[in-house]
């Protein structure tokens, strides 16, 4: 089980429990875990296995959008390579603030 670790010279901006939605066949399935935002990257680790589902350097983040899934706030992080990471959970508003603090544009 991989545990999140800061890299040398890296500062944690925020973390919290969230669900990351990934495509499973024709639908999107939520995976529970924790989001970690540092001054250098955004990471998502699954709770049960510790599997890393996202480890994206801030320099590779194109921006983020905000929407909702059944009245629940959803933040989608867009990479410069076209990958999208949709997240929901209690710290959704905090996640927006953390990304804005790192000068990641809201699209």
PDB file of N, CA and C in Angstrom:
ATOM      1  N   UNK A   1       0.840  -1.172   0.000  1.00  0.00           N
ATOM      2  CA  UNK A   1       0.000   0.000   0.000  1.00  0.00           C
ATOM      3  C   UNK A   1       0.887   1.237   0.000  1.00  0.00           C
ATOM      4  N   UNK A   2       0.753   2.066  -1.026  1.00  0.00           N
ATOM      5  CA  UNK A   2       1.555   3.275  -1.141  1.00  0.00           C
ATOM      6  C   UNK A   2       0.950   4.381  -0.287  1.00  0.00           C
ATOM      7  N   UNK A   3       1.766   4.992   0.539  1.00  0.00           N
ATOM      8  CA  UNK A   3       1.321   6.082   1.385  1.00  0.00           C
ATOM      9  C   UNK A   3       1.836   7.384   0.794  1.00  0.00           C
ATOM     10  N   UNK A   4       0.999   8.430   0.824  1.00  0.00           N
ATOM     11  CA  UNK A   4       1.415   9.705   0.265  1.00  0.00           C
ATOM     12  C   UNK A   4       2.611  10.247   1.037  1.00  0.00           C
ATOM     13  N   UNK A   5       3.618  10.677   0.293  1.00  0.00           N
ATOM     14  CA  UNK A   5       4.791  11.279   0.903  1.00  0.00           C
ATOM     15  C   UNK A   5       5.173  12.529   0.138  1.00  0.00           C
ATOM     16  N   UNK A   6       5.518  13.567   0.885  1.00  0.00           N
ATOM     17  CA  UNK A   6       5.997  14.798   0.259  1.00  0.00           C
ATOM     18  C   UNK A   6       7.377  14.554  -0.325  1.00  0.00           C
ATOM     19  N   UNK A   7       7.633  15.171  -1.460  1.00  0.00           N
ATOM     20  CA  UNK A   7       8.953  15.096  -2.058  1.00  0.00           C
ATOM     21  C   UNK A   7       9.827  16.174  -1.422  1.00  0.00           C
ATOM     22  N   UNK A   8      11.126  16.096  -1.615  1.00  0.00           N
ATOM     23  CA  UNK A   8      12.046  17.069  -1.041  1.00  0.00           C
ATOM     24  C   UNK A   8      11.669  18.484  -1.499  1.00  0.00           C
ATOM     25  N   UNK A   9      11.534  19.391  -0.558  1.00  0.00           N
ATOM     26  CA  UNK A   9      11.228  20.780  -0.871  1.00  0.00           C
ATOM     27  C   UNK A   9       9.765  21.050  -1.190  1.00  0.00           C
ATOM     28  N   UNK A  10       8.913  20.054  -1.038  1.00  0.00           N
ATOM     29  CA  UNK A  10       7.492  20.188  -1.370  1.00  0.00           C
ATOM     30  C   UNK A  10       6.697  20.582  -0.119  1.00  0.00           C
ATOM     31  N   UNK A  11       5.684  21.447  -0.293  1.00  0.00           N
ATOM     32  CA  UNK A  11       4.856  21.914   0.816  1.00  0.00           C
ATOM     33  C   UNK A  11       3.406  21.503   0.582  1.00  0.00           C
ATOM     34  N   UNK A  12       2.785  20.897   1.586  1.00  0.00           N
ATOM     35  CA  UNK A  12       1.385  20.512   1.501  1.00  0.00           C
ATOM     36  C   UNK A  12       0.504  21.750   1.649  1.00  0.00           C
ATOM     37  N   UNK A  13      -0.393  21.962   0.680  1.00  0.00           N
ATOM     38  CA  UNK A  13      -1.335  23.086   0.695  1.00  0.00           C
ATOM     39  C   UNK A  13      -2.631  22.643   1.369  1.00  0.00           C
ATOM     40  N   UNK A  14      -3.100  21.433   1.041  1.00  0.00           N
ATOM     41  CA  UNK A  14      -4.329  20.922   1.632  1.00  0.00           C
ATOM     42  C   UNK A  14      -4.549  19.461   1.278  1.00  0.00           C
ATOM     43  N   UNK A  15      -5.414  18.806   2.074  1.00  0.00           N
ATOM     44  CA  UNK A  15      -5.766  17.402   1.810  1.00  0.00           C
ATOM     45  C   UNK A  15      -7.150  17.156   2.384  1.00  0.00           C
ATOM     46  N   UNK A  16      -7.808  16.122   1.867  1.00  0.00           N
ATOM     47  CA  UNK A  16      -9.118  15.780   2.395  1.00  0.00           C
ATOM     48  C   UNK A  16      -9.707  14.585   1.686  1.00  0.00           C
ATOM     49  N   UNK A  17     -10.748  13.989   2.300  1.00  0.00           N
ATOM     50  CA  UNK A  17     -11.411  12.831   1.696  1.00  0.00           C
ATOM     51  C   UNK A  17     -12.297  13.249   0.532  1.00  0.00           C
ATOM     52  N   UNK A  18     -12.158  12.570  -0.588  1.00  0.00           N
ATOM     53  CA  UNK A  18     -12.961  12.859  -1.771  1.00  0.00           C
ATOM     54  C   UNK A  18     -13.186  11.568  -2.545  1.00  0.00           C
ATOM     55  N   UNK A  19     -14.048  11.652  -3.557  1.00  0.00           N
ATOM     56  CA  UNK A  19     -14.265  10.544  -4.485  1.00  0.00           C
ATOM     57  C   UNK A  19     -13.799  10.989  -5.862  1.00  0.00           C
ATOM     58  N   UNK A  20     -13.018  10.144  -6.517  1.00  0.00           N
ATOM     59  CA  UNK A  20     -12.552  10.397  -7.880  1.00  0.00           C
ATOM     60  C   UNK A  20     -13.350   9.496  -8.806  1.00  0.00           C
ATOM     61  N   UNK A  21     -13.957  10.089  -9.831  1.00  0.00           N
ATOM     62  CA  UNK A  21     -14.770   9.329 -10.780  1.00  0.00           C
ATOM     63  C   UNK A  21     -13.914   8.915 -11.960  1.00  0.00           C
ATOM     64  N   UNK A  22     -13.935   7.600 -12.256  1.00  0.00           N
ATOM     65  CA  UNK A  22     -13.203   7.071 -13.402  1.00  0.00           C
ATOM     66  C   UNK A  22     -14.141   6.247 -14.254  1.00  0.00           C
ATOM     67  N   UNK A  23     -13.883   6.282 -15.571  1.00  0.00           N
ATOM     68  CA  UNK A  23     -14.726   5.565 -16.518  1.00  0.00           C
ATOM     69  C   UNK A  23     -14.579   4.062 -16.332  1.00  0.00           C
ATOM     70  N   UNK A  24     -15.732   3.404 -16.193  1.00  0.00           N
ATOM     71  CA  UNK A  24     -15.796   1.945 -16.082  1.00  0.00           C
ATOM     72  C   UNK A  24     -16.854   1.489 -17.082  1.00  0.00           C
ATOM     73  N   UNK A  25     -16.454   1.062 -18.239  1.00  0.00           N
ATOM     74  CA  UNK A  25     -17.408   0.697 -19.286  1.00  0.00           C
ATOM     75  C   UNK A  25     -18.100   1.949 -19.811  1.00  0.00           C
ATOM     76  N   UNK A  26     -19.419   1.972 -19.735  1.00  0.00           N
ATOM     77  CA  UNK A  26     -20.182   3.131 -20.225  1.00  0.00           C
ATOM     78  C   UNK A  26     -20.475   4.149 -19.137  1.00  0.00           C
ATOM     79  N   UNK A  27     -20.141   3.835 -17.894  1.00  0.00           N
ATOM     80  CA  UNK A  27     -20.451   4.740 -16.782  1.00  0.00           C
ATOM     81  C   UNK A  27     -19.177   5.208 -16.081  1.00  0.00           C
ATOM     82  N   UNK A  28     -19.372   6.097 -15.127  1.00  0.00           N
ATOM     83  CA  UNK A  28     -18.258   6.545 -14.301  1.00  0.00           C
ATOM     84  C   UNK A  28     -18.471   6.021 -12.889  1.00  0.00           C
ATOM     85  N   UNK A  29     -17.442   5.430 -12.323  1.00  0.00           N
ATOM     86  CA  UNK A  29     -17.521   4.834 -10.989  1.00  0.00           C
ATOM     87  C   UNK A  29     -16.689   5.670 -10.019  1.00  0.00           C
ATOM     88  N   UNK A  30     -17.259   5.964  -8.819  1.00  0.00           N
ATOM     89  CA  UNK A  30     -16.485   6.730  -7.836  1.00  0.00           C
ATOM     90  C   UNK A  30     -15.544   5.824  -7.029  1.00  0.00           C
ATOM     91  N   UNK A  31     -14.350   6.311  -6.804  1.00  0.00           N
ATOM     92  CA  UNK A  31     -13.372   5.633  -5.954  1.00  0.00           C
ATOM     93  C   UNK A  31     -13.074   6.544  -4.779  1.00  0.00           C
ATOM     94  N   UNK A  32     -13.251   6.026  -3.547  1.00  0.00           N
ATOM     95  CA  UNK A  32     -13.007   6.817  -2.357  1.00  0.00           C
ATOM     96  C   UNK A  32     -11.519   6.867  -2.046  1.00  0.00           C
ATOM     97  N   UNK A  33     -11.092   8.047  -1.605  1.00  0.00           N
ATOM     98  CA  UNK A  33      -9.698   8.217  -1.242  1.00  0.00           C
ATOM     99  C   UNK A  33      -9.447   9.605  -0.706  1.00  0.00           C
ATOM    100  N   UNK A  34      -8.208  10.040  -0.848  1.00  0.00           N
ATOM    101  CA  UNK A  34      -7.835  11.361  -0.363  1.00  0.00           C
ATOM    102  C   UNK A  34      -7.147  12.144  -1.473  1.00  0.00           C
ATOM    103  N   UNK A  35      -7.485  13.427  -1.530  1.00  0.00           N
ATOM    104  CA  UNK A  35      -6.831  14.353  -2.459  1.00  0.00           C
ATOM    105  C   UNK A  35      -5.719  15.058  -1.679  1.00  0.00           C
ATOM    106  N   UNK A  36      -4.589  15.214  -2.305  1.00  0.00           N
ATOM    107  CA  UNK A  36      -3.464  15.938  -1.721  1.00  0.00           C
ATOM    108  C   UNK A  36      -3.056  17.011  -2.725  1.00  0.00           C
ATOM    109  N   UNK A  37      -3.010  18.246  -2.261  1.00  0.00           N
ATOM    110  CA  UNK A  37      -2.574  19.350  -3.114  1.00  0.00           C
ATOM    111  C   UNK A  37      -1.323  19.943  -2.481  1.00  0.00           C
ATOM    112  N   UNK A  38      -0.242  19.955  -3.249  1.00  0.00           N
ATOM    113  CA  UNK A  38       1.003  20.547  -2.763  1.00  0.00           C
ATOM    114  C   UNK A  38       1.356  21.715  -3.673  1.00  0.00           C
ATOM    115  N   UNK A  39       2.427  22.385  -3.349  1.00  0.00           N
ATOM    116  CA  UNK A  39       2.873  23.489  -4.188  1.00  0.00           C
ATOM    117  C   UNK A  39       3.461  23.003  -5.516  1.00  0.00           C
ATOM    118  N   UNK A  40       3.574  21.662  -5.693  1.00  0.00           N
ATOM    119  CA  UNK A  40       4.158  21.116  -6.915  1.00  0.00           C
ATOM    120  C   UNK A  40       3.259  20.159  -7.693  1.00  0.00           C
ATOM    121  N   UNK A  41       2.241  19.558  -7.019  1.00  0.00           N
ATOM    122  CA  UNK A  41       1.425  18.546  -7.694  1.00  0.00           C
ATOM    123  C   UNK A  41       0.077  18.352  -7.000  1.00  0.00           C
ATOM    124  N   UNK A  42      -0.807  17.643  -7.722  1.00  0.00           N
ATOM    125  CA  UNK A  42      -2.109  17.245  -7.189  1.00  0.00           C
ATOM    126  C   UNK A  42      -2.158  15.723  -7.277  1.00  0.00           C
ATOM    127  N   UNK A  43      -2.468  15.060  -6.146  1.00  0.00           N
ATOM    128  CA  UNK A  43      -2.467  13.601  -6.095  1.00  0.00           C
ATOM    129  C   UNK A  43      -3.768  13.083  -5.510  1.00  0.00           C
ATOM    130  N   UNK A  44      -4.147  11.871  -5.938  1.00  0.00           N
ATOM    131  CA  UNK A  44      -5.290  11.181  -5.356  1.00  0.00           C
ATOM    132  C   UNK A  44      -4.874   9.754  -5.055  1.00  0.00           C
ATOM    133  N   UNK A  45      -5.049   9.354  -3.792  1.00  0.00           N
ATOM    134  CA  UNK A  45      -4.727   7.996  -3.353  1.00  0.00           C
ATOM    135  C   UNK A  45      -6.011   7.328  -2.893  1.00  0.00           C
ATOM    136  N   UNK A  46      -6.265   6.106  -3.367  1.00  0.00           N
ATOM    137  CA  UNK A  46      -7.433   5.331  -2.917  1.00  0.00           C
ATOM    138  C   UNK A  46      -7.255   4.935  -1.456  1.00  0.00           C
ATOM    139  N   UNK A  47      -8.383   4.916  -0.722  1.00  0.00           N
ATOM    140  CA  UNK A  47      -8.339   4.575   0.704  1.00  0.00           C
ATOM    141  C   UNK A  47      -7.922   3.135   0.970  1.00  0.00           C
ATOM    142  N   UNK A  48      -8.611   2.184   0.364  1.00  0.00           N
ATOM    143  CA  UNK A  48      -8.385   0.781   0.712  1.00  0.00           C
ATOM    144  C   UNK A  48      -7.028   0.247   0.287  1.00  0.00           C
ATOM    145  N   UNK A  49      -6.637   0.531  -0.934  1.00  0.00           N
ATOM    146  CA  UNK A  49      -5.400  -0.054  -1.454  1.00  0.00           C
ATOM    147  C   UNK A  49      -4.211   0.904  -1.437  1.00  0.00           C
ATOM    148  N   UNK A  50      -4.491   2.204  -1.334  1.00  0.00           N
ATOM    149  CA  UNK A  50      -3.406   3.179  -1.416  1.00  0.00           C
ATOM    150  C   UNK A  50      -2.948   3.421  -2.840  1.00  0.00           C
ATOM    151  N   UNK A  51      -3.658   2.837  -3.806  1.00  0.00           N
ATOM    152  CA  UNK A  51      -3.308   3.003  -5.217  1.00  0.00           C
ATOM    153  C   UNK A  51      -3.378   4.466  -5.614  1.00  0.00           C
ATOM    154  N   UNK A  52      -2.384   4.913  -6.348  1.00  0.00           N
ATOM    155  CA  UNK A  52      -2.345   6.297  -6.823  1.00  0.00           C
ATOM    156  C   UNK A  52      -3.115   6.372  -8.143  1.00  0.00           C
ATOM    157  N   UNK A  53      -4.232   7.104  -8.152  1.00  0.00           N
ATOM    158  CA  UNK A  53      -5.028   7.246  -9.370  1.00  0.00           C
ATOM    159  C   UNK A  53      -4.737   8.548 -10.098  1.00  0.00           C
ATOM    160  N   UNK A  54      -4.092   9.485  -9.409  1.00  0.00           N
ATOM    161  CA  UNK A  54      -3.718  10.751 -10.041  1.00  0.00           C
ATOM    162  C   UNK A  54      -2.473  11.272  -9.333  1.00  0.00           C
ATOM    163  N   UNK A  55      -1.489  11.651 -10.102  1.00  0.00           N
ATOM    164  CA  UNK A  55      -0.288  12.318  -9.592  1.00  0.00           C
ATOM    165  C   UNK A  55       0.138  13.279 -10.692  1.00  0.00           C
ATOM    166  N   UNK A  56      -0.406  14.477 -10.635  1.00  0.00           N
ATOM    167  CA  UNK A  56      -0.292  15.440 -11.729  1.00  0.00           C
ATOM    168  C   UNK A  56       0.513  16.663 -11.289  1.00  0.00           C
ATOM    169  N   UNK A  57       1.663  16.911 -11.921  1.00  0.00           N
ATOM    170  CA  UNK A  57       2.416  18.127 -11.598  1.00  0.00           C
ATOM    171  C   UNK A  57       1.572  19.371 -11.912  1.00  0.00           C
ATOM    172  N   UNK A  58       1.689  20.397 -11.096  1.00  0.00           N
ATOM    173  CA  UNK A  58       0.939  21.637 -11.309  1.00  0.00           C
ATOM    174  C   UNK A  58       1.218  22.199 -12.702  1.00  0.00           C
ATOM    175  N   UNK A  59       2.436  22.036 -13.189  1.00  0.00           N
ATOM    176  CA  UNK A  59       2.782  22.547 -14.521  1.00  0.00           C
ATOM    177  C   UNK A  59       2.005  21.848 -15.634  1.00  0.00           C
ATOM    178  N   UNK A  60       1.438  20.666 -15.352  1.00  0.00           N
ATOM    179  CA  UNK A  60       0.668  19.912 -16.345  1.00  0.00           C
ATOM    180  C   UNK A  60      -0.842  20.121 -16.204  1.00  0.00           C
ATOM    181  N   UNK A  61      -1.255  20.960 -15.244  1.00  0.00           N
ATOM    182  CA  UNK A  61      -2.677  21.234 -15.049  1.00  0.00           C
ATOM    183  C   UNK A  61      -3.081  22.410 -15.930  1.00  0.00           C
ATOM    184  N   UNK A  62      -4.040  22.169 -16.820  1.00  0.00           N
ATOM    185  CA  UNK A  62      -4.549  23.214 -17.712  1.00  0.00           C
ATOM    186  C   UNK A  62      -5.481  24.156 -16.954  1.00  0.00           C
ATOM    187  N   UNK A  63      -6.292  23.588 -16.047  1.00  0.00           N
ATOM    188  CA  UNK A  63      -7.236  24.368 -15.266  1.00  0.00           C
ATOM    189  C   UNK A  63      -8.263  23.454 -14.625  1.00  0.00           C
ATOM    190  N   UNK A  64      -9.316  24.072 -14.065  1.00  0.00           N
ATOM    191  CA  UNK A  64     -10.366  23.277 -13.445  1.00  0.00           C
ATOM    192  C   UNK A  64     -11.728  23.893 -13.728  1.00  0.00           C
ATOM    193  N   UNK A  65     -12.748  23.041 -13.697  1.00  0.00           N
ATOM    194  CA  UNK A  65     -14.124  23.495 -13.863  1.00  0.00           C
ATOM    195  C   UNK A  65     -14.915  23.028 -12.656  1.00  0.00           C
ATOM    196  N   UNK A  66     -16.044  23.699 -12.428  1.00  0.00           N
ATOM    197  CA  UNK A  66     -16.906  23.371 -11.304  1.00  0.00           C
ATOM    198  C   UNK A  66     -18.292  23.060 -11.844  1.00  0.00           C
ATOM    199  N   UNK A  67     -18.881  21.993 -11.372  1.00  0.00           N
ATOM    200  CA  UNK A  67     -20.228  21.597 -11.770  1.00  0.00           C
ATOM    201  C   UNK A  67     -20.897  20.899 -10.611  1.00  0.00           C
ATOM    202  N   UNK A  68     -21.850  20.020 -10.922  1.00  0.00           N
ATOM    203  CA  UNK A  68     -22.509  19.264  -9.857  1.00  0.00           C
ATOM    204  C   UNK A  68     -22.987  17.918 -10.383  1.00  0.00           C
ATOM    205  N   UNK A  69     -23.097  16.978  -9.460  1.00  0.00           N
ATOM    206  CA  UNK A  69     -23.666  15.666  -9.716  1.00  0.00           C
ATOM    207  C   UNK A  69     -24.779  15.506  -8.682  1.00  0.00           C
ATOM    208  N   UNK A  70     -26.031  15.551  -9.122  1.00  0.00           N
ATOM    209  CA  UNK A  70     -27.166  15.416  -8.206  1.00  0.00           C
ATOM    210  C   UNK A  70     -27.040  16.329  -6.987  1.00  0.00           C
ATOM    211  N   UNK A  71     -26.836  17.603  -7.217  1.00  0.00           N
ATOM    212  CA  UNK A  71     -26.747  18.630  -6.167  1.00  0.00           C
ATOM    213  C   UNK A  71     -25.477  18.564  -5.334  1.00  0.00           C
ATOM    214  N   UNK A  72     -24.523  17.753  -5.731  1.00  0.00           N
ATOM    215  CA  UNK A  72     -23.241  17.654  -5.024  1.00  0.00           C
ATOM    216  C   UNK A  72     -22.200  18.374  -5.874  1.00  0.00           C
ATOM    217  N   UNK A  73     -21.422  19.247  -5.241  1.00  0.00           N
ATOM    218  CA  UNK A  73     -20.380  19.980  -5.973  1.00  0.00           C
ATOM    219  C   UNK A  73     -19.346  19.026  -6.546  1.00  0.00           C
ATOM    220  N   UNK A  74     -18.969  19.295  -7.798  1.00  0.00           N
ATOM    221  CA  UNK A  74     -17.972  18.478  -8.491  1.00  0.00           C
ATOM    222  C   UNK A  74     -16.901  19.413  -9.048  1.00  0.00           C
ATOM    223  N   UNK A  75     -15.651  19.093  -8.790  1.00  0.00           N
ATOM    224  CA  UNK A  75     -14.524  19.833  -9.346  1.00  0.00           C
ATOM    225  C   UNK A  75     -13.826  18.902 -10.321  1.00  0.00           C
ATOM    226  N   UNK A  76     -13.637  19.358 -11.548  1.00  0.00           N
ATOM    227  CA  UNK A  76     -12.929  18.565 -12.555  1.00  0.00           C
ATOM    228  C   UNK A  76     -11.609  19.241 -12.866  1.00  0.00           C
ATOM    229  N   UNK A  77     -10.531  18.518 -12.665  1.00  0.00           N
ATOM    230  CA  UNK A  77      -9.192  19.012 -12.973  1.00  0.00           C
ATOM    231  C   UNK A  77      -8.854  18.544 -14.381  1.00  0.00           C
ATOM    232  N   UNK A  78      -8.460  19.477 -15.249  1.00  0.00           N
ATOM    233  CA  UNK A  78      -8.134  19.183 -16.640  1.00  0.00           C
ATOM    234  C   UNK A  78      -6.619  19.272 -16.834  1.00  0.00           C
ATOM    235  N   UNK A  79      -6.042  18.206 -17.390  1.00  0.00           N
ATOM    236  CA  UNK A  79      -4.602  18.219 -17.661  1.00  0.00           C
ATOM    237  C   UNK A  79      -4.356  18.776 -19.062  1.00  0.00           C
ATOM    238  N   UNK A  80      -3.137  19.182 -19.302  1.00  0.00           N
ATOM    239  CA  UNK A  80      -2.759  19.702 -20.618  1.00  0.00           C
ATOM    240  C   UNK A  80      -2.756  18.607 -21.675  1.00  0.00           C
ATOM    241  N   UNK A  81      -2.727  17.339 -21.256  1.00  0.00           N
ATOM    242  CA  UNK A  81      -2.739  16.222 -22.207  1.00  0.00           C
ATOM    243  C   UNK A  81      -4.150  15.736 -22.503  1.00  0.00           C
ATOM    244  N   UNK A  82      -5.163  16.391 -21.920  1.00  0.00           N
ATOM    245  CA  UNK A  82      -6.546  16.046 -22.210  1.00  0.00           C
ATOM    246  C   UNK A  82      -7.216  15.104 -21.223  1.00  0.00           C
ATOM    247  N   UNK A  83      -6.519  14.714 -20.170  1.00  0.00           N
ATOM    248  CA  UNK A  83      -7.138  13.870 -19.152  1.00  0.00           C
ATOM    249  C   UNK A  83      -7.980  14.737 -18.219  1.00  0.00           C
ATOM    250  N   UNK A  84      -9.118  14.180 -17.761  1.00  0.00           N
ATOM    251  CA  UNK A  84      -9.997  14.889 -16.836  1.00  0.00           C
ATOM    252  C   UNK A  84     -10.179  14.067 -15.574  1.00  0.00           C
ATOM    253  N   UNK A  85     -10.115  14.719 -14.428  1.00  0.00           N
ATOM    254  CA  UNK A  85     -10.266  14.062 -13.135  1.00  0.00           C
ATOM    255  C   UNK A  85     -11.406  14.748 -12.387  1.00  0.00           C
ATOM    256  N   UNK A  86     -12.562  14.075 -12.296  1.00  0.00           N
ATOM    257  CA  UNK A  86     -13.729  14.638 -11.620  1.00  0.00           C
ATOM    258  C   UNK A  86     -13.766  14.155 -10.179  1.00  0.00           C
ATOM    259  N   UNK A  87     -13.899  15.116  -9.259  1.00  0.00           N
ATOM    260  CA  UNK A  87     -13.859  14.815  -7.830  1.00  0.00           C
ATOM    261  C   UNK A  87     -15.058  15.425  -7.115  1.00  0.00           C
ATOM    262  N   UNK A  88     -15.604  14.675  -6.162  1.00  0.00           N
ATOM    263  CA  UNK A  88     -16.666  15.188  -5.308  1.00  0.00           C
ATOM    264  C   UNK A  88     -16.296  14.891  -3.864  1.00  0.00           C
ATOM    265  N   UNK A  89     -16.918  15.608  -2.961  1.00  0.00           N
ATOM    266  CA  UNK A  89     -16.683  15.366  -1.548  1.00  0.00           C
ATOM    267  C   UNK A  89     -16.721  16.644  -0.760  1.00  0.00           C
ATOM    268  N   UNK A  90     -16.653  16.501   0.541  1.00  0.00           N
ATOM    269  CA  UNK A  90     -16.767  17.626   1.456  1.00  0.00           C
ATOM    270  C   UNK A  90     -15.803  18.773   1.147  1.00  0.00           C
ATOM    271  N   UNK A  91     -14.515  18.498   0.856  1.00  0.00           N
ATOM    272  CA  UNK A  91     -13.599  19.622   0.627  1.00  0.00           C
ATOM    273  C   UNK A  91     -13.615  20.184  -0.807  1.00  0.00           C
ATOM    274  N   UNK A  92     -14.723  20.017  -1.549  1.00  0.00           N
ATOM    275  CA  UNK A  92     -14.763  20.499  -2.939  1.00  0.00           C
ATOM    276  C   UNK A  92     -14.510  22.008  -3.015  1.00  0.00           C
ATOM    277  N   UNK A  93     -15.092  22.772  -2.115  1.00  0.00           N
ATOM    278  CA  UNK A  93     -14.863  24.220  -2.112  1.00  0.00           C
ATOM    279  C   UNK A  93     -13.434  24.548  -1.706  1.00  0.00           C
ATOM    280  N   UNK A  94     -12.893  23.774  -0.768  1.00  0.00           N
ATOM    281  CA  UNK A  94     -11.496  23.973  -0.367  1.00  0.00           C
ATOM    282  C   UNK A  94     -10.559  23.649  -1.525  1.00  0.00           C
ATOM    283  N   UNK A  95     -10.871  22.583  -2.265  1.00  0.00           N
ATOM    284  CA  UNK A  95     -10.049  22.200  -3.414  1.00  0.00           C
ATOM    285  C   UNK A  95      -9.982  23.342  -4.424  1.00  0.00           C
ATOM    286  N   UNK A  96     -11.112  23.989  -4.675  1.00  0.00           N
ATOM    287  CA  UNK A  96     -11.132  25.139  -5.587  1.00  0.00           C
ATOM    288  C   UNK A  96     -10.198  26.243  -5.075  1.00  0.00           C
ATOM    289  N   UNK A  97     -10.252  26.495  -3.784  1.00  0.00           N
ATOM    290  CA  UNK A  97      -9.413  27.537  -3.185  1.00  0.00           C
ATOM    291  C   UNK A  97      -7.934  27.164  -3.274  1.00  0.00           C
ATOM    292  N   UNK A  98      -7.619  25.881  -3.009  1.00  0.00           N
ATOM    293  CA  UNK A  98      -6.220  25.445  -3.086  1.00  0.00           C
ATOM    294  C   UNK A  98      -5.672  25.603  -4.503  1.00  0.00           C
ATOM    295  N   UNK A  99      -6.474  25.212  -5.500  1.00  0.00           N
ATOM    296  CA  UNK A  99      -6.036  25.322  -6.893  1.00  0.00           C
ATOM    297  C   UNK A  99      -5.861  26.777  -7.292  1.00  0.00           C
ATOM    298  N   UNK A 100      -6.795  27.629  -6.873  1.00  0.00           N
ATOM    299  CA  UNK A 100      -6.707  29.067  -7.182  1.00  0.00           C
ATOM    300  C   UNK A 100      -5.457  29.657  -6.528  1.00  0.00           C
ATOM    301  N   UNK A 101      -5.165  29.241  -5.321  1.00  0.00           N
ATOM    302  CA  UNK A 101      -3.971  29.696  -4.596  1.00  0.00           C
ATOM    303  C   UNK A 101      -2.690  29.366  -5.375  1.00  0.00           C
ATOM    304  N   UNK A 102      -2.732  28.273  -6.139  1.00  0.00           N
ATOM    305  CA  UNK A 102      -1.574  27.854  -6.940  1.00  0.00           C
ATOM    306  C   UNK A 102      -1.608  28.442  -8.354  1.00  0.00           C
ATOM    307  N   UNK A 103      -2.519  29.389  -8.591  1.00  0.00           N
ATOM    308  CA  UNK A 103      -2.665  30.070  -9.895  1.00  0.00           C
ATOM    309  C   UNK A 103      -3.137  29.133 -10.989  1.00  0.00           C
ATOM    310  N   UNK A 104      -3.872  28.075 -10.614  1.00  0.00           N
ATOM    311  CA  UNK A 104      -4.494  27.195 -11.614  1.00  0.00           C
ATOM    312  C   UNK A 104      -5.784  27.890 -12.043  1.00  0.00           C
ATOM    313  N   UNK A 105      -5.957  28.148 -13.344  1.00  0.00           N
ATOM    314  CA  UNK A 105      -7.134  28.907 -13.792  1.00  0.00           C
ATOM    315  C   UNK A 105      -8.442  28.111 -13.750  1.00  0.00           C
ATOM    316  N   UNK A 106      -9.518  28.813 -13.424  1.00  0.00           N
ATOM    317  CA  UNK A 106     -10.847  28.227 -13.514  1.00  0.00           C
ATOM    318  C   UNK A 106     -11.288  28.407 -14.951  1.00  0.00           C
ATOM    319  N   UNK A 107     -11.629  27.317 -15.612  1.00  0.00           N
ATOM    320  CA  UNK A 107     -11.984  27.353 -17.035  1.00  0.00           C
ATOM    321  C   UNK A 107     -13.473  27.603 -17.227  1.00  0.00           C
TER     322      UNK A 107
END
